[in-house]
Amino acid sequence: MNKITTYFRESYRELLEKVTWPSWSQLQQSTVIVLVAILLTTLVVWIMDMISSSILHFVYSLFGS
């Protein structure tokens, strides 16, 4: 039980004394970067989906009735 108490005490101390938290402007900047990256990734996946869908429709039309 003493090890668990020590673990939580040291974890709490580390959060308060050793962790450097970002400022509000750094947090906003990081959030914008993440959102832009998500939008770009979504756009790339959507384009790949449209291309593969068009290719499959073309291939199916060659072998379809």
N, C-alpha and C. Protein backbone atom coordinates (compact mmCIF):
# COMPACT_ATOMS: atom_id res chain seq x y z
N MET A 1 0.83 -1.20 0.00
CA MET A 1 0.00 0.00 0.00
C MET A 1 0.87 1.25 0.00
N ASN A 2 2.02 1.18 0.64
CA ASN A 2 2.92 2.33 0.72
C ASN A 2 3.46 2.69 -0.66
N LYS A 3 3.70 1.68 -1.50
CA LYS A 3 4.20 1.94 -2.84
C LYS A 3 3.17 2.70 -3.69
N ILE A 4 1.92 2.34 -3.53
CA ILE A 4 0.86 3.01 -4.28
C ILE A 4 0.75 4.47 -3.85
N THR A 5 0.78 4.71 -2.56
CA THR A 5 0.71 6.08 -2.05
C THR A 5 1.89 6.90 -2.54
N THR A 6 3.07 6.31 -2.50
CA THR A 6 4.28 7.01 -2.98
C THR A 6 4.16 7.31 -4.47
N TYR A 7 3.65 6.35 -5.23
CA TYR A 7 3.47 6.56 -6.66
C TYR A 7 2.57 7.76 -6.95
N PHE A 8 1.42 7.81 -6.30
CA PHE A 8 0.49 8.92 -6.53
C PHE A 8 1.06 10.25 -6.05
N ARG A 9 1.77 10.24 -4.95
CA ARG A 9 2.37 11.46 -4.42
C ARG A 9 3.43 11.99 -5.41
N GLU A 10 4.28 11.10 -5.90
CA GLU A 10 5.31 11.52 -6.84
C GLU A 10 4.72 11.95 -8.19
N SER A 11 3.68 11.28 -8.62
CA SER A 11 3.02 11.67 -9.87
C SER A 11 2.42 13.07 -9.76
N TYR A 12 1.77 13.35 -8.64
CA TYR A 12 1.19 14.66 -8.41
C TYR A 12 2.27 15.74 -8.37
N ARG A 13 3.37 15.45 -7.68
CA ARG A 13 4.48 16.41 -7.60
C ARG A 13 5.08 16.66 -8.98
N GLU A 14 5.21 15.61 -9.76
CA GLU A 14 5.75 15.77 -11.11
C GLU A 14 4.85 16.66 -11.96
N LEU A 15 3.54 16.49 -11.85
CA LEU A 15 2.60 17.32 -12.61
C LEU A 15 2.71 18.79 -12.22
N LEU A 16 2.94 19.04 -10.96
CA LEU A 16 2.99 20.43 -10.49
C LEU A 16 4.34 21.09 -10.72
N GLU A 17 5.42 20.34 -10.58
CA GLU A 17 6.74 20.96 -10.57
C GLU A 17 7.58 20.72 -11.82
N LYS A 18 7.40 19.58 -12.48
CA LYS A 18 8.30 19.23 -13.57
C LYS A 18 7.69 19.40 -14.96
N VAL A 19 6.39 19.37 -15.05
CA VAL A 19 5.73 19.49 -16.36
C VAL A 19 5.64 20.95 -16.74
N THR A 20 6.01 21.26 -17.98
CA THR A 20 5.83 22.62 -18.46
C THR A 20 4.59 22.65 -19.34
N TRP A 21 3.61 23.40 -18.89
CA TRP A 21 2.35 23.48 -19.61
C TRP A 21 2.44 24.58 -20.66
N PRO A 22 1.80 24.39 -21.81
CA PRO A 22 1.86 25.42 -22.86
C PRO A 22 1.06 26.66 -22.47
N SER A 23 1.48 27.77 -23.04
CA SER A 23 0.71 29.00 -22.82
C SER A 23 -0.55 28.94 -23.68
N TRP A 24 -1.44 29.91 -23.45
CA TRP A 24 -2.69 29.92 -24.19
C TRP A 24 -2.44 30.09 -25.69
N SER A 25 -1.50 30.93 -26.08
CA SER A 25 -1.23 31.15 -27.51
C SER A 25 -0.58 29.90 -28.13
N GLN A 26 0.29 29.23 -27.39
CA GLN A 26 0.88 27.99 -27.90
C GLN A 26 -0.19 26.91 -28.09
N LEU A 27 -1.12 26.85 -27.16
CA LEU A 27 -2.21 25.89 -27.25
C LEU A 27 -3.09 26.17 -28.46
N GLN A 28 -3.40 27.44 -28.69
CA GLN A 28 -4.21 27.80 -29.85
C GLN A 28 -3.47 27.47 -31.16
N GLN A 29 -2.19 27.77 -31.21
CA GLN A 29 -1.40 27.50 -32.40
C GLN A 29 -1.34 25.99 -32.68
N SER A 30 -1.13 25.21 -31.66
CA SER A 30 -1.09 23.76 -31.84
C SER A 30 -2.44 23.22 -32.30
N THR A 31 -3.51 23.78 -31.76
CA THR A 31 -4.85 23.35 -32.15
C THR A 31 -5.11 23.64 -33.62
N VAL A 32 -4.71 24.81 -34.08
CA VAL A 32 -4.89 25.16 -35.49
C VAL A 32 -4.09 24.22 -36.38
N ILE A 33 -2.87 23.91 -35.99
CA ILE A 33 -2.03 23.00 -36.77
C ILE A 33 -2.68 21.63 -36.87
N VAL A 34 -3.21 21.13 -35.76
CA VAL A 34 -3.87 19.82 -35.77
C VAL A 34 -5.11 19.85 -36.65
N LEU A 35 -5.90 20.90 -36.56
CA LEU A 35 -7.11 21.00 -37.39
C LEU A 35 -6.78 21.05 -38.87
N VAL A 36 -5.76 21.81 -39.24
CA VAL A 36 -5.35 21.88 -40.64
C VAL A 36 -4.87 20.52 -41.13
N ALA A 37 -4.10 19.82 -40.30
CA ALA A 37 -3.61 18.50 -40.68
C ALA A 37 -4.77 17.52 -40.86
N ILE A 38 -5.76 17.59 -39.99
CA ILE A 38 -6.94 16.73 -40.12
C ILE A 38 -7.69 17.04 -41.40
N LEU A 39 -7.87 18.32 -41.71
CA LEU A 39 -8.58 18.69 -42.94
C LEU A 39 -7.82 18.23 -44.18
N LEU A 40 -6.51 18.38 -44.19
CA LEU A 40 -5.72 17.93 -45.34
C LEU A 40 -5.79 16.41 -45.49
N THR A 41 -5.69 15.70 -44.40
CA THR A 41 -5.78 14.24 -44.45
C THR A 41 -7.16 13.80 -44.94
N THR A 42 -8.19 14.46 -44.46
CA THR A 42 -9.55 14.15 -44.91
C THR A 42 -9.69 14.41 -46.40
N LEU A 43 -9.14 15.50 -46.88
CA LEU A 43 -9.21 15.84 -48.30
C LEU A 43 -8.49 14.79 -49.14
N VAL A 44 -7.31 14.37 -48.72
CA VAL A 44 -6.54 13.36 -49.46
C VAL A 44 -7.31 12.04 -49.51
N VAL A 45 -7.87 11.61 -48.39
CA VAL A 45 -8.63 10.36 -48.35
C VAL A 45 -9.87 10.47 -49.24
N TRP A 46 -10.54 11.60 -49.22
CA TRP A 46 -11.74 11.79 -50.05
C TRP A 46 -11.37 11.73 -51.54
N ILE A 47 -10.27 12.38 -51.92
CA ILE A 47 -9.83 12.33 -53.33
C ILE A 47 -9.48 10.91 -53.73
N MET A 48 -8.76 10.19 -52.87
CA MET A 48 -8.42 8.80 -53.18
C MET A 48 -9.68 7.94 -53.31
N ASP A 49 -10.67 8.19 -52.49
CA ASP A 49 -11.94 7.46 -52.55
C ASP A 49 -12.66 7.74 -53.87
N MET A 50 -12.69 9.00 -54.28
CA MET A 50 -13.34 9.35 -55.54
C MET A 50 -12.63 8.71 -56.74
N ILE A 51 -11.30 8.72 -56.73
CA ILE A 51 -10.54 8.14 -57.83
C ILE A 51 -10.76 6.63 -57.89
N SER A 52 -10.66 5.97 -56.74
CA SER A 52 -10.85 4.52 -56.75
C SER A 52 -12.28 4.15 -57.12
N SER A 53 -13.23 4.94 -56.70
CA SER A 53 -14.62 4.69 -57.07
C SER A 53 -14.82 4.83 -58.58
N SER A 54 -14.24 5.84 -59.17
CA SER A 54 -14.34 6.03 -60.62
C SER A 54 -13.67 4.89 -61.38
N ILE A 55 -12.51 4.46 -60.91
CA ILE A 55 -11.82 3.35 -61.56
C ILE A 55 -12.65 2.07 -61.47
N LEU A 56 -13.21 1.80 -60.30
CA LEU A 56 -14.03 0.60 -60.14
C LEU A 56 -15.28 0.65 -61.00
N HIS A 57 -15.92 1.81 -61.10
CA HIS A 57 -17.10 1.94 -61.96
C HIS A 57 -16.72 1.69 -63.42
N PHE A 58 -15.56 2.18 -63.83
CA PHE A 58 -15.09 1.96 -65.20
C PHE A 58 -14.83 0.47 -65.44
N VAL A 59 -14.13 -0.18 -64.51
CA VAL A 59 -13.83 -1.62 -64.67
C VAL A 59 -15.12 -2.43 -64.68
N TYR A 60 -16.06 -2.12 -63.81
CA TYR A 60 -17.33 -2.84 -63.78
C TYR A 60 -18.12 -2.63 -65.06
N SER A 61 -18.02 -1.44 -65.63
CA SER A 61 -18.76 -1.18 -66.88
C SER A 61 -18.16 -1.98 -68.04
N LEU A 62 -16.88 -2.30 -68.00
CA LEU A 62 -16.27 -3.11 -69.05
C LEU A 62 -16.77 -4.55 -69.02
N PHE A 63 -16.98 -5.07 -67.81
CA PHE A 63 -17.38 -6.48 -67.67
C PHE A 63 -18.86 -6.64 -67.38
N GLY A 64 -19.58 -5.57 -67.22
CA GLY A 64 -21.00 -5.66 -66.90
C GLY A 64 -21.85 -5.86 -68.15
N SER A 65 -23.10 -5.99 -67.95
CA SER A 65 -24.00 -6.20 -69.09
C SER A 65 -24.57 -4.91 -69.62
